[in-house]
Amino acid sequence: MFGFAVVAMAPALIISRMISPRKRSNPVKFLPMECGQVPTGEGRTHFMMQYYPYILMFVVFDVMAIFLYAWGSALLEIPKMATLPMMGFLAIMFGAMAFALYQSGRRRIW
């Protein structure tokens, strides 16, 4: 498989080297740009920690929704013992949610 990858890739690399322009490119091309504009201001900004629990809860509910949808759509075809791992998964997800709420209360973010 690796040999096939090398054989398939080598002609593309060689041909692109042969037909590419040889002159040096403009130094402006290598400047950092921000949507085509020269950036202004500081590169690092302050992250608003007040939104951290919202982000964490969104990730928890997003992952939970994906797995619950897959489990719910196959619920009638799977054995009843398959409910136990899903209950464990929900316990872990709700534990993460409780931790996010605990952290937000501890840091007085909300």
C-alpha atoms as a PDB file:
ATOM      1  CA  MET A   1       0.000   0.000   0.000  1.00  0.00           C
ATOM      2  CA  PHE A   2       2.843   2.386   0.849  1.00  0.00           C
ATOM      3  CA  GLY A   3       4.565   1.563  -2.434  1.00  0.00           C
ATOM      4  CA  PHE A   4       1.410   2.376  -4.363  1.00  0.00           C
ATOM      5  CA  ALA A   5       1.123   5.685  -2.510  1.00  0.00           C
ATOM      6  CA  VAL A   6       4.697   6.607  -3.422  1.00  0.00           C
ATOM      7  CA  VAL A   7       4.226   5.590  -7.058  1.00  0.00           C
ATOM      8  CA  ALA A   8       0.975   7.565  -7.313  1.00  0.00           C
ATOM      9  CA  MET A   9       2.372  10.641  -5.557  1.00  0.00           C
ATOM     10  CA  ALA A  10       5.817  10.922  -7.153  1.00  0.00           C
ATOM     11  CA  PRO A  11       4.703  11.951 -10.669  1.00  0.00           C
ATOM     12  CA  ALA A  12       2.459  14.675  -9.266  1.00  0.00           C
ATOM     13  CA  LEU A  13       5.299  16.147  -7.221  1.00  0.00           C
ATOM     14  CA  ILE A  14       7.834  15.908 -10.037  1.00  0.00           C
ATOM     15  CA  ILE A  15       5.527  17.458 -12.655  1.00  0.00           C
ATOM     16  CA  SER A  16       4.536  20.302 -10.337  1.00  0.00           C
ATOM     17  CA  ARG A  17       8.232  21.080  -9.715  1.00  0.00           C
ATOM     18  CA  MET A  18       8.930  21.061 -13.443  1.00  0.00           C
ATOM     19  CA  ILE A  19       6.146  23.443 -14.451  1.00  0.00           C
ATOM     20  CA  SER A  20       6.216  25.808 -11.432  1.00  0.00           C
ATOM     21  CA  PRO A  21       7.677  29.307 -11.883  1.00  0.00           C
ATOM     22  CA  ARG A  22      11.326  29.663 -10.815  1.00  0.00           C
ATOM     23  CA  LYS A  23      11.397  33.301  -9.730  1.00  0.00           C
ATOM     24  CA  ARG A  24      11.339  34.278  -6.070  1.00  0.00           C
ATOM     25  CA  SER A  25       7.959  35.378  -4.860  1.00  0.00           C
ATOM     26  CA  ASN A  26       7.099  38.789  -3.488  1.00  0.00           C
ATOM     27  CA  PRO A  27       8.138  39.246   0.195  1.00  0.00           C
ATOM     28  CA  VAL A  28       4.727  40.765   0.928  1.00  0.00           C
ATOM     29  CA  LYS A  29       3.273  37.329   0.250  1.00  0.00           C
ATOM     30  CA  PHE A  30       4.867  35.973   3.422  1.00  0.00           C
ATOM     31  CA  LEU A  31       3.620  38.733   5.740  1.00  0.00           C
ATOM     32  CA  PRO A  32       0.921  37.776   8.229  1.00  0.00           C
ATOM     33  CA  MET A  33      -2.448  38.880   6.889  1.00  0.00           C
ATOM     34  CA  GLU A  34      -5.873  39.046   8.416  1.00  0.00           C
ATOM     35  CA  CYS A  35      -8.558  38.674   5.727  1.00  0.00           C
ATOM     36  CA  GLY A  36      -6.275  40.401   3.232  1.00  0.00           C
ATOM     37  CA  GLN A  37      -5.543  43.316   5.578  1.00  0.00           C
ATOM     38  CA  VAL A  38      -2.374  43.995   7.548  1.00  0.00           C
ATOM     39  CA  PRO A  39      -3.210  43.047  11.160  1.00  0.00           C
ATOM     40  CA  THR A  40      -3.353  45.752  13.796  1.00  0.00           C
ATOM     41  CA  GLY A  41      -3.265  45.469  17.556  1.00  0.00           C
ATOM     42  CA  GLU A  42      -2.149  42.664  19.787  1.00  0.00           C
ATOM     43  CA  GLY A  43      -2.207  39.061  18.605  1.00  0.00           C
ATOM     44  CA  ARG A  44      -3.461  37.630  21.877  1.00  0.00           C
ATOM     45  CA  THR A  45      -6.773  38.612  23.379  1.00  0.00           C
ATOM     46  CA  HIS A  46      -8.434  37.995  26.709  1.00  0.00           C
ATOM     47  CA  PHE A  47     -10.763  34.985  26.768  1.00  0.00           C
ATOM     48  CA  MET A  48     -14.012  35.700  28.583  1.00  0.00           C
ATOM     49  CA  MET A  49     -14.198  33.027  31.286  1.00  0.00           C
ATOM     50  CA  GLN A  50     -17.833  33.853  31.947  1.00  0.00           C
ATOM     51  CA  TYR A  51     -18.753  31.839  28.845  1.00  0.00           C
ATOM     52  CA  TYR A  52     -16.665  28.777  29.754  1.00  0.00           C
ATOM     53  CA  PRO A  53     -19.518  26.870  31.493  1.00  0.00           C
ATOM     54  CA  TYR A  54     -21.796  27.501  28.513  1.00  0.00           C
ATOM     55  CA  ILE A  55     -19.173  26.099  26.160  1.00  0.00           C
ATOM     56  CA  LEU A  56     -18.585  23.089  28.373  1.00  0.00           C
ATOM     57  CA  MET A  57     -22.307  22.353  28.674  1.00  0.00           C
ATOM     58  CA  PHE A  58     -22.769  22.713  24.912  1.00  0.00           C
ATOM     59  CA  VAL A  59     -20.050  20.118  24.288  1.00  0.00           C
ATOM     60  CA  VAL A  60     -21.582  17.773  26.864  1.00  0.00           C
ATOM     61  CA  PHE A  61     -25.093  18.058  25.424  1.00  0.00           C
ATOM     62  CA  ASP A  62     -23.845  17.860  21.848  1.00  0.00           C
ATOM     63  CA  VAL A  63     -22.000  14.594  22.428  1.00  0.00           C
ATOM     64  CA  MET A  64     -24.901  13.265  24.458  1.00  0.00           C
ATOM     65  CA  ALA A  65     -27.400  14.074  21.708  1.00  0.00           C
ATOM     66  CA  ILE A  66     -25.314  12.310  19.056  1.00  0.00           C
ATOM     67  CA  PHE A  67     -25.078   9.081  21.028  1.00  0.00           C
ATOM     68  CA  LEU A  68     -28.657   9.201  22.313  1.00  0.00           C
ATOM     69  CA  TYR A  69     -29.981   9.594  18.775  1.00  0.00           C
ATOM     70  CA  ALA A  70     -28.026   6.568  17.559  1.00  0.00           C
ATOM     71  CA  TRP A  71     -29.104   4.533  20.582  1.00  0.00           C
ATOM     72  CA  GLY A  72     -32.734   5.638  20.318  1.00  0.00           C
ATOM     73  CA  SER A  73     -32.999   4.848  16.628  1.00  0.00           C
ATOM     74  CA  ALA A  74     -31.850   1.264  17.228  1.00  0.00           C
ATOM     75  CA  LEU A  75     -33.624   0.779  20.560  1.00  0.00           C
ATOM     76  CA  LEU A  76     -36.199  -1.718  19.316  1.00  0.00           C
ATOM     77  CA  GLU A  77     -33.628  -3.954  17.590  1.00  0.00           C
ATOM     78  CA  ILE A  78     -31.035  -4.164  20.376  1.00  0.00           C
ATOM     79  CA  PRO A  79     -31.322  -6.384  23.466  1.00  0.00           C
ATOM     80  CA  LYS A  80     -32.560  -4.876  26.719  1.00  0.00           C
ATOM     81  CA  MET A  81     -29.123  -5.353  28.313  1.00  0.00           C
ATOM     82  CA  ALA A  82     -27.795  -2.681  25.949  1.00  0.00           C
ATOM     83  CA  THR A  83     -29.582  -0.103  28.104  1.00  0.00           C
ATOM     84  CA  LEU A  84     -27.056  -0.488  30.927  1.00  0.00           C
ATOM     85  CA  PRO A  85     -24.052   0.913  29.019  1.00  0.00           C
ATOM     86  CA  MET A  86     -26.201   3.843  27.888  1.00  0.00           C
ATOM     87  CA  MET A  87     -27.164   4.537  31.494  1.00  0.00           C
ATOM     88  CA  GLY A  88     -23.460   4.515  32.381  1.00  0.00           C
ATOM     89  CA  PHE A  89     -22.754   6.904  29.528  1.00  0.00           C
ATOM     90  CA  LEU A  90     -25.509   9.241  30.694  1.00  0.00           C
ATOM     91  CA  ALA A  91     -24.115   9.119  34.240  1.00  0.00           C
ATOM     92  CA  ILE A  92     -20.689  10.176  32.962  1.00  0.00           C
ATOM     93  CA  MET A  93     -22.178  12.970  30.845  1.00  0.00           C
ATOM     94  CA  PHE A  94     -24.358  14.288  33.659  1.00  0.00           C
ATOM     95  CA  GLY A  95     -21.316  14.094  35.942  1.00  0.00           C
ATOM     96  CA  ALA A  96     -19.451  16.354  33.533  1.00  0.00           C
ATOM     97  CA  MET A  97     -22.445  18.690  33.500  1.00  0.00           C
ATOM     98  CA  ALA A  98     -22.547  18.769  37.298  1.00  0.00           C
ATOM     99  CA  PHE A  99     -18.820  19.519  37.374  1.00  0.00           C
ATOM    100  CA  ALA A 100     -19.320  22.453  34.995  1.00  0.00           C
ATOM    101  CA  LEU A 101     -22.089  23.829  37.161  1.00  0.00           C
ATOM    102  CA  TYR A 102     -19.989  23.335  40.295  1.00  0.00           C
ATOM    103  CA  GLN A 103     -17.025  25.139  38.729  1.00  0.00           C
ATOM    104  CA  SER A 104     -19.200  28.020  37.573  1.00  0.00           C
ATOM    105  CA  GLY A 105     -20.615  28.452  41.071  1.00  0.00           C
ATOM    106  CA  ARG A 106     -17.202  28.182  42.672  1.00  0.00           C
ATOM    107  CA  ARG A 107     -15.685  30.840  40.472  1.00  0.00           C
ATOM    108  CA  ARG A 108     -18.774  33.062  40.655  1.00  0.00           C
ATOM    109  CA  ILE A 109     -19.008  33.144  36.875  1.00  0.00           C
ATOM    110  CA  TRP A 110     -22.811  32.994  36.756  1.00  0.00           C
END
